[in-house]
Amino acid sequence: MSFFHPEHELHVRRRSRNLGMLGVLFGLVVVIFGLTMVKVRLEGESVGRGAPAQVQVESGASK
């Protein structure tokens, strides 16, 4: 006695397409995470070498 019905061909194609989209989105997340890590590491190196900090100073109203 079979409890499960065979999947329709449409569901098989949808699963394949969904797994493809999962792969694309996961790859995008990996690329963005990698770029963020590189940026943080490069900013950390420039601060460690005594590079001038980028600080904006507001000029007060002087009389």
Protein backbone atom coordinates (compact mmCIF):
# COMPACT_ATOMS: atom_id res chain seq x y z
CA MET A 1 0.00 0.00 0.00
CA SER A 2 1.51 3.31 -1.08
CA PHE A 3 1.00 6.32 1.18
CA PHE A 4 2.75 8.80 -1.08
CA HIS A 5 1.60 9.83 -4.51
CA PRO A 6 4.23 10.36 -7.19
CA GLU A 7 5.11 14.04 -7.59
CA HIS A 8 3.80 15.84 -10.59
CA GLU A 9 6.36 16.95 -13.16
CA LEU A 10 5.51 20.60 -12.48
CA HIS A 11 6.54 20.26 -8.82
CA VAL A 12 9.81 18.64 -9.81
CA ARG A 13 10.61 21.57 -12.11
CA ARG A 14 9.63 24.11 -9.45
CA ARG A 15 11.88 22.44 -6.89
CA SER A 16 14.75 22.55 -9.37
CA ARG A 17 14.13 26.24 -10.08
CA ASN A 18 13.83 27.04 -6.37
CA LEU A 19 17.12 25.27 -5.61
CA GLY A 20 18.74 27.26 -8.41
CA MET A 21 17.47 30.52 -6.91
CA LEU A 22 18.69 29.39 -3.49
CA GLY A 23 22.15 28.90 -4.97
CA VAL A 24 22.13 32.32 -6.62
CA LEU A 25 20.99 34.09 -3.45
CA PHE A 26 23.51 32.21 -1.32
CA GLY A 27 26.27 33.17 -3.77
CA LEU A 28 25.20 36.82 -3.58
CA VAL A 29 25.32 36.73 0.22
CA VAL A 30 28.80 35.17 0.11
CA VAL A 31 30.06 37.88 -2.27
CA ILE A 32 28.64 40.72 -0.16
CA PHE A 33 30.03 39.16 3.04
CA GLY A 34 33.44 38.74 1.40
CA LEU A 35 33.51 42.34 0.20
CA THR A 36 32.55 43.53 3.68
CA MET A 37 35.32 41.50 5.30
CA VAL A 38 37.90 42.86 2.84
CA LYS A 39 36.73 46.42 3.43
CA VAL A 40 36.86 46.04 7.22
CA ARG A 41 40.31 44.45 7.05
CA LEU A 42 41.68 47.19 4.77
CA GLU A 43 40.26 49.95 6.97
CA GLY A 44 41.79 48.27 10.02
CA GLU A 45 45.21 48.17 8.36
CA SER A 46 45.08 51.84 7.37
CA VAL A 47 44.14 52.89 10.91
CA GLY A 48 46.90 50.72 12.36
CA ARG A 49 49.56 52.42 10.21
CA GLY A 50 48.79 55.84 11.60
CA ALA A 51 46.78 57.09 8.67
CA PRO A 52 44.84 60.22 9.46
CA ALA A 53 41.37 59.53 10.77
CA GLN A 54 38.52 60.95 8.78
CA VAL A 55 36.82 63.11 11.39
CA GLN A 56 34.62 66.04 10.51
CA VAL A 57 34.82 68.98 12.89
CA GLU A 58 31.89 71.32 13.04
CA SER A 59 32.84 74.95 13.15
CA GLY A 60 31.11 76.75 15.98
CA ALA A 61 29.56 80.16 15.63
CA SER A 62 32.30 82.59 16.59
CA LYS A 63 31.75 86.28 17.24
